[in-house]
Amino acid sequence: MIPESIEAASIHEARLPVTARNRPTSRLRFLGATLATIVVLAVAGSASARTGEDPPSRLRSVKPLSSVAVKVLPGVNRSVRVAEDRAAQAPGPVRFAVPQEVSLTPATHGTWEQLADGGRLWRLQVVSAGATDLNFGFTRFRLPPGATLHILSGEESYFEGPYTERDNKPHGQLWTPVVPGERAIIELYVPPGVTTQPDLVLSSVGLGYRDLFGRLAARSTKASYCNIDVICPAADPWRDEAQSVGGYSTGGSIFCTGTLIMDEPGSLRPFFLTASHCELDASNASSVVVYWNFESPSCGGLCCGSLAENQTGATFLASEPDVDFALIELD
């Protein structure tokens, strides 16, 4: 049975996967067989997103949020969604959000305003009643030099970003980590003198219902009797290896786990080993969001780790259902 909230990070009692800090002597094709030993489900925790420059709305004089356009999406009934997951009882990744298809751009939605420094600010509020968290999938993402994109929680002092031209990828997409609450603000800043306009198309919003931030009542369920929290003393011999494990989302709606591995030449390319049943392929690898050090802060604790250390995007390399492995390279 899938617990109502994704549980604190655990490691299998038998063995742990190899890590980029500890190079294996075997080749990548051999490592697929180790995947069955990786059992890591995690619950995220306290509101502390990745550090970065504050959103422009916090640094400049801007119009009140009440003047910013709102996009209202369907609400989320947590109990119904959890019941659906329990009834399905199918092997595969854990669903944590309902993907809502949209087609939103700065040209068609939201509110623009001119700032005193000559720059322009575009904001859009997105609301889904009952959602525990929200995430966003831009299937077109390209920013000019100096432009920034932030995603802010509308309920807590929490944001992700800034995303900049350095996040322009060959696949042209950006899928963002979750922010807490049922309301979020997308904020785009374009500095003065920019001649190339940002190209943004928001195509998917993940409407969360698994309480990834542990904002609701603590759960008493554990991932499995055969798992132990990474923070427990039994995991002490595996501290370095544990750092290679990451929880990740795909398509802003399903959650799985994997581990960094080293290739035989020691290239330090970020190869990430996971399972074929996690449903990765060439069409959705760009939507991967990896959360690092995603673990319970106490042995046997129920809540809450951190979602702060994250990265987005990947390239699909290989998959083999017969041995249940998949390999991607992180952006």
C-alpha atoms as a PDB file:
ATOM      1  CA  MET A   1       0.000   0.000   0.000  1.00  0.00           C
ATOM      2  CA  ILE A   2       1.309   3.446  -0.888  1.00  0.00           C
ATOM      3  CA  PRO A   3       1.398   5.770   2.141  1.00  0.00           C
ATOM      4  CA  GLU A   4      -0.473   9.080   1.955  1.00  0.00           C
ATOM      5  CA  SER A   5       2.788  10.989   2.108  1.00  0.00           C
ATOM      6  CA  ILE A   6       6.053   9.915   0.529  1.00  0.00           C
ATOM      7  CA  GLU A   7       8.115   8.498   3.353  1.00  0.00           C
ATOM      8  CA  ALA A   8      11.459   9.410   4.884  1.00  0.00           C
ATOM      9  CA  ALA A   9      14.489   8.329   2.891  1.00  0.00           C
ATOM     10  CA  SER A  10      15.498   4.743   3.525  1.00  0.00           C
ATOM     11  CA  ILE A  11      18.160   2.329   2.387  1.00  0.00           C
ATOM     12  CA  HIS A  12      17.820  -1.380   1.826  1.00  0.00           C
ATOM     13  CA  GLU A  13      19.454  -3.514   4.471  1.00  0.00           C
ATOM     14  CA  ALA A  14      21.404  -5.625   2.003  1.00  0.00           C
ATOM     15  CA  ARG A  15      23.608  -3.234   0.051  1.00  0.00           C
ATOM     16  CA  LEU A  16      23.793   0.199  -1.509  1.00  0.00           C
ATOM     17  CA  PRO A  17      24.509   1.309  -5.075  1.00  0.00           C
ATOM     18  CA  VAL A  18      27.855   2.555  -6.242  1.00  0.00           C
ATOM     19  CA  THR A  19      28.518   6.273  -6.161  1.00  0.00           C
ATOM     20  CA  ALA A  20      30.451   8.874  -8.082  1.00  0.00           C
ATOM     21  CA  ARG A  21      32.749   9.097  -5.053  1.00  0.00           C
ATOM     22  CA  ASN A  22      33.585   5.390  -5.173  1.00  0.00           C
ATOM     23  CA  ARG A  23      34.290   4.169  -8.671  1.00  0.00           C
ATOM     24  CA  PRO A  24      33.244   0.612  -9.551  1.00  0.00           C
ATOM     25  CA  THR A  25      35.556  -1.704 -11.451  1.00  0.00           C
ATOM     26  CA  SER A  26      32.737  -3.170 -13.531  1.00  0.00           C
ATOM     27  CA  ARG A  27      31.095  -1.652 -16.564  1.00  0.00           C
ATOM     28  CA  LEU A  28      27.781   0.161 -16.692  1.00  0.00           C
ATOM     29  CA  ARG A  29      25.930  -2.807 -18.160  1.00  0.00           C
ATOM     30  CA  PHE A  30      26.668  -4.781 -14.979  1.00  0.00           C
ATOM     31  CA  LEU A  31      25.359  -2.057 -12.709  1.00  0.00           C
ATOM     32  CA  GLY A  32      21.778  -2.415 -13.856  1.00  0.00           C
ATOM     33  CA  ALA A  33      21.515  -5.532 -11.724  1.00  0.00           C
ATOM     34  CA  THR A  34      22.147  -3.543  -8.542  1.00  0.00           C
ATOM     35  CA  LEU A  35      19.033  -1.440  -8.966  1.00  0.00           C
ATOM     36  CA  ALA A  36      16.799  -3.905  -7.169  1.00  0.00           C
ATOM     37  CA  THR A  37      18.648  -3.086  -3.956  1.00  0.00           C
ATOM     38  CA  ILE A  38      17.742   0.604  -4.058  1.00  0.00           C
ATOM     39  CA  VAL A  39      14.649   1.270  -1.955  1.00  0.00           C
ATOM     40  CA  VAL A  40      14.426   4.983  -1.161  1.00  0.00           C
ATOM     41  CA  LEU A  41      11.114   6.747  -0.613  1.00  0.00           C
ATOM     42  CA  ALA A  42      11.273  10.165   0.961  1.00  0.00           C
ATOM     43  CA  VAL A  43       9.182  12.911   2.463  1.00  0.00           C
ATOM     44  CA  ALA A  44      10.262  16.463   1.945  1.00  0.00           C
ATOM     45  CA  GLY A  45      10.179  18.967   4.683  1.00  0.00           C
ATOM     46  CA  SER A  46      10.703  22.410   6.022  1.00  0.00           C
ATOM     47  CA  ALA A  47      10.168  25.371   3.746  1.00  0.00           C
ATOM     48  CA  SER A  48      13.693  26.160   2.594  1.00  0.00           C
ATOM     49  CA  ALA A  49      14.171  26.268  -1.156  1.00  0.00           C
ATOM     50  CA  ARG A  50      17.456  26.509  -3.009  1.00  0.00           C
ATOM     51  CA  THR A  51      19.355  29.695  -2.250  1.00  0.00           C
ATOM     52  CA  GLY A  52      19.504  32.321  -4.946  1.00  0.00           C
ATOM     53  CA  GLU A  53      18.835  35.973  -5.590  1.00  0.00           C
ATOM     54  CA  ASP A  54      15.448  37.013  -4.287  1.00  0.00           C
ATOM     55  CA  PRO A  55      12.612  37.524  -6.770  1.00  0.00           C
ATOM     56  CA  PRO A  56      12.409  41.083  -8.148  1.00  0.00           C
ATOM     57  CA  SER A  57       9.084  41.594  -6.366  1.00  0.00           C
ATOM     58  CA  ARG A  58      10.983  41.397  -3.076  1.00  0.00           C
ATOM     59  CA  LEU A  59      13.773  43.728  -4.179  1.00  0.00           C
ATOM     60  CA  ARG A  60      11.856  46.449  -6.014  1.00  0.00           C
ATOM     61  CA  SER A  61       8.763  48.534  -5.610  1.00  0.00           C
ATOM     62  CA  VAL A  62       6.028  46.679  -7.502  1.00  0.00           C
ATOM     63  CA  LYS A  63       2.254  46.699  -7.691  1.00  0.00           C
ATOM     64  CA  PRO A  64       0.409  44.703  -5.013  1.00  0.00           C
ATOM     65  CA  LEU A  65      -0.249  41.046  -5.674  1.00  0.00           C
ATOM     66  CA  SER A  66      -3.974  41.809  -5.704  1.00  0.00           C
ATOM     67  CA  SER A  67      -3.458  43.499  -9.091  1.00  0.00           C
ATOM     68  CA  VAL A  68      -1.896  40.381 -10.657  1.00  0.00           C
ATOM     69  CA  ALA A  69      -4.045  38.115 -12.835  1.00  0.00           C
ATOM     70  CA  VAL A  70      -5.087  34.733 -11.439  1.00  0.00           C
ATOM     71  CA  LYS A  71      -5.402  31.445 -13.325  1.00  0.00           C
ATOM     72  CA  VAL A  72      -7.752  29.133 -11.442  1.00  0.00           C
ATOM     73  CA  LEU A  73      -7.235  25.427 -12.099  1.00  0.00           C
ATOM     74  CA  PRO A  74      -9.402  22.493 -10.992  1.00  0.00           C
ATOM     75  CA  GLY A  75      -9.222  21.732  -7.292  1.00  0.00           C
ATOM     76  CA  VAL A  76      -7.698  18.623  -5.727  1.00  0.00           C
ATOM     77  CA  ASN A  77      -9.523  16.126  -3.530  1.00  0.00           C
ATOM     78  CA  ARG A  78      -6.685  14.441  -1.648  1.00  0.00           C
ATOM     79  CA  SER A  79      -8.757  11.595  -0.253  1.00  0.00           C
ATOM     80  CA  VAL A  80     -10.123  10.659  -3.670  1.00  0.00           C
ATOM     81  CA  ARG A  81      -6.684  10.687  -5.288  1.00  0.00           C
ATOM     82  CA  VAL A  82      -5.090   8.596  -2.538  1.00  0.00           C
ATOM     83  CA  ALA A  83      -7.944   6.106  -2.764  1.00  0.00           C
ATOM     84  CA  GLU A  84      -7.394   5.848  -6.516  1.00  0.00           C
ATOM     85  CA  ASP A  85      -3.735   5.041  -5.943  1.00  0.00           C
ATOM     86  CA  ARG A  86      -4.535   2.381  -3.375  1.00  0.00           C
ATOM     87  CA  ALA A  87      -7.122   0.783  -5.644  1.00  0.00           C
ATOM     88  CA  ALA A  88      -4.705   0.662  -8.569  1.00  0.00           C
ATOM     89  CA  GLN A  89      -2.107  -1.385  -6.648  1.00  0.00           C
ATOM     90  CA  ALA A  90       0.063  -1.447  -9.740  1.00  0.00           C
ATOM     91  CA  PRO A  91       3.860  -1.623  -9.570  1.00  0.00           C
ATOM     92  CA  GLY A  92       5.596   1.504 -10.679  1.00  0.00           C
ATOM     93  CA  PRO A  93       6.397   5.023  -9.532  1.00  0.00           C
ATOM     94  CA  VAL A  94       4.451   6.773  -6.783  1.00  0.00           C
ATOM     95  CA  ARG A  95       1.981   9.366  -8.026  1.00  0.00           C
ATOM     96  CA  PHE A  96       2.134  12.588  -5.992  1.00  0.00           C
ATOM     97  CA  ALA A  97       0.353  15.096  -8.224  1.00  0.00           C
ATOM     98  CA  VAL A  98      -2.275  15.321 -10.940  1.00  0.00           C
ATOM     99  CA  PRO A  99      -0.875  16.881 -14.140  1.00  0.00           C
ATOM    100  CA  GLN A 100      -3.133  19.607 -15.483  1.00  0.00           C
ATOM    101  CA  GLU A 101      -2.608  20.531 -19.129  1.00  0.00           C
ATOM    102  CA  VAL A 102      -2.572  24.268 -19.829  1.00  0.00           C
ATOM    103  CA  SER A 103      -1.302  26.648 -22.496  1.00  0.00           C
ATOM    104  CA  LEU A 104      -0.143  29.848 -20.831  1.00  0.00           C
ATOM    105  CA  THR A 105       2.361  32.429 -22.053  1.00  0.00           C
ATOM    106  CA  PRO A 106       3.350  35.955 -20.993  1.00  0.00           C
ATOM    107  CA  ALA A 107       1.594  37.184 -24.128  1.00  0.00           C
ATOM    108  CA  THR A 108      -1.753  35.557 -23.339  1.00  0.00           C
ATOM    109  CA  HIS A 109      -2.020  35.468 -19.544  1.00  0.00           C
ATOM    110  CA  GLY A 110      -0.714  37.250 -16.485  1.00  0.00           C
ATOM    111  CA  THR A 111       0.114  40.877 -15.759  1.00  0.00           C
ATOM    112  CA  TRP A 112       2.999  42.997 -17.058  1.00  0.00           C
ATOM    113  CA  GLU A 113       4.270  46.148 -15.384  1.00  0.00           C
ATOM    114  CA  GLN A 114       7.044  48.628 -16.093  1.00  0.00           C
ATOM    115  CA  LEU A 115       9.589  49.036 -13.296  1.00  0.00           C
ATOM    116  CA  ALA A 116      11.492  52.119 -12.215  1.00  0.00           C
ATOM    117  CA  ASP A 117      14.825  50.692 -13.438  1.00  0.00           C
ATOM    118  CA  GLY A 118      13.447  50.402 -16.979  1.00  0.00           C
ATOM    119  CA  GLY A 119      12.935  46.665 -16.718  1.00  0.00           C
ATOM    120  CA  ARG A 120       9.640  44.809 -17.058  1.00  0.00           C
ATOM    121  CA  LEU A 121       8.018  42.367 -14.684  1.00  0.00           C
ATOM    122  CA  TRP A 122       5.470  39.705 -15.622  1.00  0.00           C
ATOM    123  CA  ARG A 123       3.561  37.798 -12.950  1.00  0.00           C
ATOM    124  CA  LEU A 124       0.833  35.186 -12.940  1.00  0.00           C
ATOM    125  CA  GLN A 125      -0.898  33.643  -9.944  1.00  0.00           C
ATOM    126  CA  VAL A 126      -1.918  29.990 -10.262  1.00  0.00           C
ATOM    127  CA  VAL A 127      -4.411  28.470  -7.827  1.00  0.00           C
ATOM    128  CA  SER A 128      -5.729  24.950  -7.295  1.00  0.00           C
ATOM    129  CA  ALA A 129      -7.956  24.642  -4.238  1.00  0.00           C
ATOM    130  CA  GLY A 130      -6.861  21.820  -1.947  1.00  0.00           C
ATOM    131  CA  ALA A 131      -3.465  21.239  -3.570  1.00  0.00           C
ATOM    132  CA  THR A 132      -0.662  20.596  -1.082  1.00  0.00           C
ATOM    133  CA  ASP A 133       1.993  21.808  -3.524  1.00  0.00           C
ATOM    134  CA  LEU A 134       2.392  22.915  -7.134  1.00  0.00           C
ATOM    135  CA  ASN A 135       5.016  22.431  -9.838  1.00  0.00           C
ATOM    136  CA  PHE A 136       5.312  23.752 -13.382  1.00  0.00           C
ATOM    137  CA  GLY A 137       6.353  22.333 -16.735  1.00  0.00           C
ATOM    138  CA  PHE A 138       7.496  24.766 -19.429  1.00  0.00           C
ATOM    139  CA  THR A 139       7.716  22.900 -22.726  1.00  0.00           C
ATOM    140  CA  ARG A 140       9.265  26.007 -24.275  1.00  0.00           C
ATOM    141  CA  PHE A 141      11.829  27.829 -22.217  1.00  0.00           C
ATOM    142  CA  ARG A 142      14.438  30.270 -23.465  1.00  0.00           C
ATOM    143  CA  LEU A 143      15.534  33.386 -21.622  1.00  0.00           C
ATOM    144  CA  PRO A 144      17.710  36.226 -22.947  1.00  0.00           C
ATOM    145  CA  PRO A 145      20.775  37.387 -20.963  1.00  0.00           C
ATOM    146  CA  GLY A 146      19.798  39.096 -17.727  1.00  0.00           C
ATOM    147  CA  ALA A 147      16.247  37.761 -17.583  1.00  0.00           C
ATOM    148  CA  THR A 148      15.192  35.708 -14.545  1.00  0.00           C
ATOM    149  CA  LEU A 149      12.334  33.380 -13.699  1.00  0.00           C
ATOM    150  CA  HIS A 150      11.186  32.605 -10.152  1.00  0.00           C
ATOM    151  CA  ILE A 151       8.416  30.386  -8.810  1.00  0.00           C
ATOM    152  CA  LEU A 152       7.080  31.593  -5.451  1.00  0.00           C
ATOM    153  CA  SER A 153       4.732  29.967  -2.982  1.00  0.00           C
ATOM    154  CA  GLY A 154       1.664  32.115  -2.387  1.00  0.00           C
ATOM    155  CA  GLU A 155       1.379  30.822   1.169  1.00  0.00           C
ATOM    156  CA  GLU A 156       4.907  30.708   2.580  1.00  0.00           C
ATOM    157  CA  SER A 157       8.160  32.620   2.222  1.00  0.00           C
ATOM    158  CA  TYR A 158       9.493  30.034  -0.207  1.00  0.00           C
ATOM    159  CA  PHE A 159      10.675  30.269  -3.800  1.00  0.00           C
ATOM    160  CA  GLU A 160      12.610  28.403  -6.482  1.00  0.00           C
ATOM    161  CA  GLY A 161      15.023  30.257  -8.715  1.00  0.00           C
ATOM    162  CA  PRO A 162      16.303  32.317 -10.272  1.00  0.00           C
ATOM    163  CA  TYR A 163      16.310  30.420 -13.549  1.00  0.00           C
ATOM    164  CA  THR A 164      18.361  32.262 -16.173  1.00  0.00           C
ATOM    165  CA  GLU A 165      19.832  31.862 -19.658  1.00  0.00           C
ATOM    166  CA  ARG A 166      22.136  29.233 -18.107  1.00  0.00           C
ATOM    167  CA  ASP A 167      19.033  27.043 -17.843  1.00  0.00           C
ATOM    168  CA  ASN A 168      18.404  27.213 -21.606  1.00  0.00           C
ATOM    169  CA  LYS A 169      18.796  23.567 -22.647  1.00  0.00           C
ATOM    170  CA  PRO A 170      19.039  21.885 -26.059  1.00  0.00           C
ATOM    171  CA  HIS A 171      15.704  20.199 -25.373  1.00  0.00           C
ATOM    172  CA  GLY A 172      14.198  23.669 -24.760  1.00  0.00           C
ATOM    173  CA  GLN A 173      12.228  22.770 -21.625  1.00  0.00           C
ATOM    174  CA  LEU A 174      12.192  23.584 -17.911  1.00  0.00           C
ATOM    175  CA  TRP A 175      10.328  21.604 -15.247  1.00  0.00           C
ATOM    176  CA  THR A 176      10.426  23.173 -11.818  1.00  0.00           C
ATOM    177  CA  PRO A 177      10.540  21.659  -8.315  1.00  0.00           C
ATOM    178  CA  VAL A 178       7.490  21.810  -6.099  1.00  0.00           C
ATOM    179  CA  VAL A 179       6.564  24.837  -4.000  1.00  0.00           C
ATOM    180  CA  PRO A 180       4.226  24.466  -1.000  1.00  0.00           C
ATOM    181  CA  GLY A 181       0.551  25.336  -0.956  1.00  0.00           C
ATOM    182  CA  GLU A 182      -2.395  25.659  -3.316  1.00  0.00           C
ATOM    183  CA  ARG A 183      -1.297  29.049  -4.696  1.00  0.00           C
ATOM    184  CA  ALA A 184       1.905  29.969  -6.539  1.00  0.00           C
ATOM    185  CA  ILE A 185       3.225  32.997  -8.410  1.00  0.00           C
ATOM    186  CA  ILE A 186       5.280  32.757 -11.577  1.00  0.00           C
ATOM    187  CA  GLU A 187       7.528  35.793 -11.885  1.00  0.00           C
ATOM    188  CA  LEU A 188       9.539  36.794 -14.963  1.00  0.00           C
ATOM    189  CA  TYR A 189      11.875  39.792 -14.989  1.00  0.00           C
ATOM    190  CA  VAL A 190      13.237  41.264 -18.226  1.00  0.00           C
ATOM    191  CA  PRO A 191      15.997  43.869 -17.718  1.00  0.00           C
ATOM    192  CA  PRO A 192      16.156  47.151 -19.640  1.00  0.00           C
ATOM    193  CA  GLY A 193      17.770  47.119 -23.061  1.00  0.00           C
ATOM    194  CA  VAL A 194      16.898  43.486 -23.848  1.00  0.00           C
ATOM    195  CA  THR A 195      15.995  43.096 -27.514  1.00  0.00           C
ATOM    196  CA  THR A 196      15.386  39.329 -27.567  1.00  0.00           C
ATOM    197  CA  GLN A 197      12.140  38.469 -25.863  1.00  0.00           C
ATOM    198  CA  PRO A 198      11.753  35.486 -23.521  1.00  0.00           C
ATOM    199  CA  ASP A 199      10.102  32.432 -25.049  1.00  0.00           C
ATOM    200  CA  LEU A 200       7.974  30.728 -22.391  1.00  0.00           C
ATOM    201  CA  VAL A 201       5.101  28.289 -22.810  1.00  0.00           C
ATOM    202  CA  LEU A 202       3.699  26.753 -19.646  1.00  0.00           C
ATOM    203  CA  SER A 203       2.063  23.484 -20.673  1.00  0.00           C
ATOM    204  CA  SER A 204       1.615  21.543 -17.435  1.00  0.00           C
ATOM    205  CA  VAL A 205       0.901  22.273 -13.786  1.00  0.00           C
ATOM    206  CA  GLY A 206       1.314  19.463 -11.259  1.00  0.00           C
ATOM    207  CA  LEU A 207      -1.463  19.661  -8.661  1.00  0.00           C
ATOM    208  CA  GLY A 208       0.029  17.960  -5.617  1.00  0.00           C
ATOM    209  CA  TYR A 209      -1.888  15.902  -3.068  1.00  0.00           C
ATOM    210  CA  ARG A 210       0.802  13.868  -1.211  1.00  0.00           C
ATOM    211  CA  ASP A 211       1.822  16.658   1.182  1.00  0.00           C
ATOM    212  CA  LEU A 212       5.494  16.583   0.166  1.00  0.00           C
ATOM    213  CA  PHE A 213       6.330  19.417   2.557  1.00  0.00           C
ATOM    214  CA  GLY A 214       4.759  17.742   5.574  1.00  0.00           C
ATOM    215  CA  ARG A 215       2.562  20.776   6.218  1.00  0.00           C
ATOM    216  CA  LEU A 216      -0.412  18.692   7.307  1.00  0.00           C
ATOM    217  CA  ALA A 217      -0.646  16.225  10.215  1.00  0.00           C
ATOM    218  CA  ALA A 218       2.356  13.897  10.503  1.00  0.00           C
ATOM    219  CA  ARG A 219       1.831  10.398   9.153  1.00  0.00           C
ATOM    220  CA  SER A 220       2.584   7.253  11.127  1.00  0.00           C
ATOM    221  CA  THR A 221       3.187   5.001   8.128  1.00  0.00           C
ATOM    222  CA  LYS A 222       6.643   3.823   7.053  1.00  0.00           C
ATOM    223  CA  ALA A 223       7.774   2.888   3.577  1.00  0.00           C
ATOM    224  CA  SER A 224       8.398  -0.775   4.433  1.00  0.00           C
ATOM    225  CA  TYR A 225       9.461  -2.951   7.357  1.00  0.00           C
ATOM    226  CA  CYS A 226      12.667  -3.896   5.507  1.00  0.00           C
ATOM    227  CA  ASN A 227      13.831  -0.283   5.153  1.00  0.00           C
ATOM    228  CA  ILE A 228      15.833   1.882   7.525  1.00  0.00           C
ATOM    229  CA  ASP A 229      16.207   5.659   7.451  1.00  0.00           C
ATOM    230  CA  VAL A 230      19.493   6.850   5.999  1.00  0.00           C
ATOM    231  CA  ILE A 231      20.122   8.882   9.138  1.00  0.00           C
ATOM    232  CA  CYS A 232      20.009   5.767  11.384  1.00  0.00           C
ATOM    233  CA  PRO A 233      23.282   4.411  12.881  1.00  0.00           C
ATOM    234  CA  ALA A 234      22.971   1.265  10.751  1.00  0.00           C
ATOM    235  CA  ALA A 235      23.684   3.424   7.710  1.00  0.00           C
ATOM    236  CA  ASP A 236      26.927   4.900   9.106  1.00  0.00           C
ATOM    237  CA  PRO A 237      29.188   2.739   6.880  1.00  0.00           C
ATOM    238  CA  TRP A 238      27.349   4.088   3.837  1.00  0.00           C
ATOM    239  CA  ARG A 239      27.445   7.858   4.397  1.00  0.00           C
ATOM    240  CA  ASP A 240      29.345   8.600   1.163  1.00  0.00           C
ATOM    241  CA  GLU A 241      27.245   6.224  -0.906  1.00  0.00           C
ATOM    242  CA  ALA A 242      23.987   7.606   0.467  1.00  0.00           C
ATOM    243  CA  GLN A 243      24.824  11.007  -1.003  1.00  0.00           C
ATOM    244  CA  SER A 244      24.593   9.519  -4.492  1.00  0.00           C
ATOM    245  CA  VAL A 245      20.911   8.613  -4.061  1.00  0.00           C
ATOM    246  CA  GLY A 246      18.248  11.019  -5.279  1.00  0.00           C
ATOM    247  CA  GLY A 247      14.490  11.067  -5.376  1.00  0.00           C
ATOM    248  CA  TYR A 248      13.108  12.415  -8.639  1.00  0.00           C
ATOM    249  CA  SER A 249       9.863  13.390 -10.291  1.00  0.00           C
ATOM    250  CA  THR A 250       8.873  12.928 -13.922  1.00  0.00           C
ATOM    251  CA  GLY A 251       6.215  14.915 -15.714  1.00  0.00           C
ATOM    252  CA  GLY A 252       5.508  16.804 -12.504  1.00  0.00           C
ATOM    253  CA  SER A 253       3.312  13.936 -11.284  1.00  0.00           C
ATOM    254  CA  ILE A 254       5.174  10.699 -10.463  1.00  0.00           C
ATOM    255  CA  PHE A 255       8.039  10.021  -8.086  1.00  0.00           C
ATOM    256  CA  CYS A 256      10.838   7.462  -8.157  1.00  0.00           C
ATOM    257  CA  THR A 257      14.452   7.093  -6.988  1.00  0.00           C
ATOM    258  CA  GLY A 258      17.870   6.414  -8.458  1.00  0.00           C
ATOM    259  CA  THR A 259      21.575   6.887  -7.908  1.00  0.00           C
ATOM    260  CA  LEU A 260      24.548   8.574  -9.508  1.00  0.00           C
ATOM    261  CA  ILE A 261      27.111   6.131 -10.876  1.00  0.00           C
ATOM    262  CA  MET A 262      30.631   6.503 -12.232  1.00  0.00           C
ATOM    263  CA  ASP A 263      31.537   5.219 -15.667  1.00  0.00           C
ATOM    264  CA  GLU A 264      34.712   3.195 -16.105  1.00  0.00           C
ATOM    265  CA  PRO A 265      36.768   6.037 -17.682  1.00  0.00           C
ATOM    266  CA  GLY A 266      35.940   8.235 -14.671  1.00  0.00           C
ATOM    267  CA  SER A 267      34.573  11.052 -16.823  1.00  0.00           C
ATOM    268  CA  LEU A 268      32.442  12.523 -13.985  1.00  0.00           C
ATOM    269  CA  ARG A 269      29.503  12.774 -16.362  1.00  0.00           C
ATOM    270  CA  PRO A 270      26.321  12.691 -14.219  1.00  0.00           C
ATOM    271  CA  PHE A 271      24.995   9.261 -15.166  1.00  0.00           C
ATOM    272  CA  PHE A 272      21.923   8.387 -13.102  1.00  0.00           C
ATOM    273  CA  LEU A 273      20.769   4.806 -12.706  1.00  0.00           C
ATOM    274  CA  THR A 274      17.114   4.058 -11.999  1.00  0.00           C
ATOM    275  CA  ALA A 275      14.441   1.470 -12.810  1.00  0.00           C
ATOM    276  CA  SER A 276      12.661   0.721 -16.057  1.00  0.00           C
ATOM    277  CA  HIS A 277       9.362   0.535 -14.163  1.00  0.00           C
ATOM    278  CA  CYS A 278       9.784   4.242 -13.318  1.00  0.00           C
ATOM    279  CA  GLU A 279       8.506   4.871 -16.871  1.00  0.00           C
ATOM    280  CA  LEU A 280      11.366   7.008 -18.175  1.00  0.00           C
ATOM    281  CA  ASP A 281      11.888   7.353 -21.913  1.00  0.00           C
ATOM    282  CA  ALA A 282      13.179   9.846 -24.471  1.00  0.00           C
ATOM    283  CA  SER A 283       9.903  11.775 -24.422  1.00  0.00           C
ATOM    284  CA  ASN A 284       9.892  12.643 -20.711  1.00  0.00           C
ATOM    285  CA  ALA A 285      13.518  12.666 -19.516  1.00  0.00           C
ATOM    286  CA  SER A 286      13.637  16.448 -19.922  1.00  0.00           C
ATOM    287  CA  SER A 287      10.950  16.703 -17.229  1.00  0.00           C
ATOM    288  CA  VAL A 288      13.070  14.993 -14.557  1.00  0.00           C
ATOM    289  CA  VAL A 289      13.594  16.972 -11.332  1.00  0.00           C
ATOM    290  CA  VAL A 290      16.081  15.380  -8.918  1.00  0.00           C
ATOM    291  CA  TYR A 291      16.010  16.081  -5.176  1.00  0.00           C
ATOM    292  CA  TRP A 292      19.306  15.382  -3.360  1.00  0.00           C
ATOM    293  CA  ASN A 293      19.863  14.603   0.342  1.00  0.00           C
ATOM    294  CA  PHE A 294      16.159  13.885   0.506  1.00  0.00           C
ATOM    295  CA  GLU A 295      16.014  12.183   3.893  1.00  0.00           C
ATOM    296  CA  SER A 296      14.453  12.126   7.337  1.00  0.00           C
ATOM    297  CA  PRO A 297      16.276  14.344   9.870  1.00  0.00           C
ATOM    298  CA  SER A 298      15.991  11.676  12.600  1.00  0.00           C
ATOM    299  CA  CYS A 299      16.102   7.892  12.818  1.00  0.00           C
ATOM    300  CA  GLY A 300      12.550   6.614  12.719  1.00  0.00           C
ATOM    301  CA  GLY A 301      11.266  10.140  12.237  1.00  0.00           C
ATOM    302  CA  LEU A 302       8.142  10.816  10.252  1.00  0.00           C
ATOM    303  CA  CYS A 303       8.846  14.347   9.104  1.00  0.00           C
ATOM    304  CA  CYS A 304      10.527  16.180   7.497  1.00  0.00           C
ATOM    305  CA  GLY A 305      13.534  16.407   5.238  1.00  0.00           C
ATOM    306  CA  SER A 306      14.288  19.069   2.653  1.00  0.00           C
ATOM    307  CA  LEU A 307      13.534  19.648  -1.018  1.00  0.00           C
ATOM    308  CA  ALA A 308      16.081  22.456  -1.199  1.00  0.00           C
ATOM    309  CA  GLU A 309      18.869  20.695  -3.129  1.00  0.00           C
ATOM    310  CA  ASN A 310      17.484  20.010  -6.573  1.00  0.00           C
ATOM    311  CA  GLN A 311      18.250  20.136 -10.278  1.00  0.00           C
ATOM    312  CA  THR A 312      16.189  19.809 -13.437  1.00  0.00           C
ATOM    313  CA  GLY A 313      16.390  18.046 -16.789  1.00  0.00           C
ATOM    314  CA  ALA A 314      18.018  14.929 -18.198  1.00  0.00           C
ATOM    315  CA  THR A 315      18.727  13.003 -21.399  1.00  0.00           C
ATOM    316  CA  PHE A 316      17.468   9.447 -21.829  1.00  0.00           C
ATOM    317  CA  LEU A 317      20.187   6.895 -22.646  1.00  0.00           C
ATOM    318  CA  ALA A 318      18.914   3.342 -22.205  1.00  0.00           C
ATOM    319  CA  SER A 319      16.301   1.094 -20.631  1.00  0.00           C
ATOM    320  CA  GLU A 320      15.811  -2.647 -20.299  1.00  0.00           C
ATOM    321  CA  PRO A 321      12.595  -3.987 -18.733  1.00  0.00           C
ATOM    322  CA  ASP A 322      13.947  -7.547 -18.388  1.00  0.00           C
ATOM    323  CA  VAL A 323      16.429  -6.447 -15.699  1.00  0.00           C
ATOM    324  CA  ASP A 324      14.412  -3.373 -14.706  1.00  0.00           C
ATOM    325  CA  PHE A 325      17.041  -0.717 -15.277  1.00  0.00           C
ATOM    326  CA  ALA A 326      17.059   2.672 -16.963  1.00  0.00           C
ATOM    327  CA  LEU A 327      19.940   5.094 -17.450  1.00  0.00           C
ATOM    328  CA  ILE A 328      19.776   8.849 -17.946  1.00  0.00           C
ATOM    329  CA  GLU A 329      22.351  11.633 -17.948  1.00  0.00           C
ATOM    330  CA  LEU A 330      21.410  14.628 -15.832  1.00  0.00           C
ATOM    331  CA  ASP A 331      21.635  18.095 -17.395  1.00  0.00           C
END
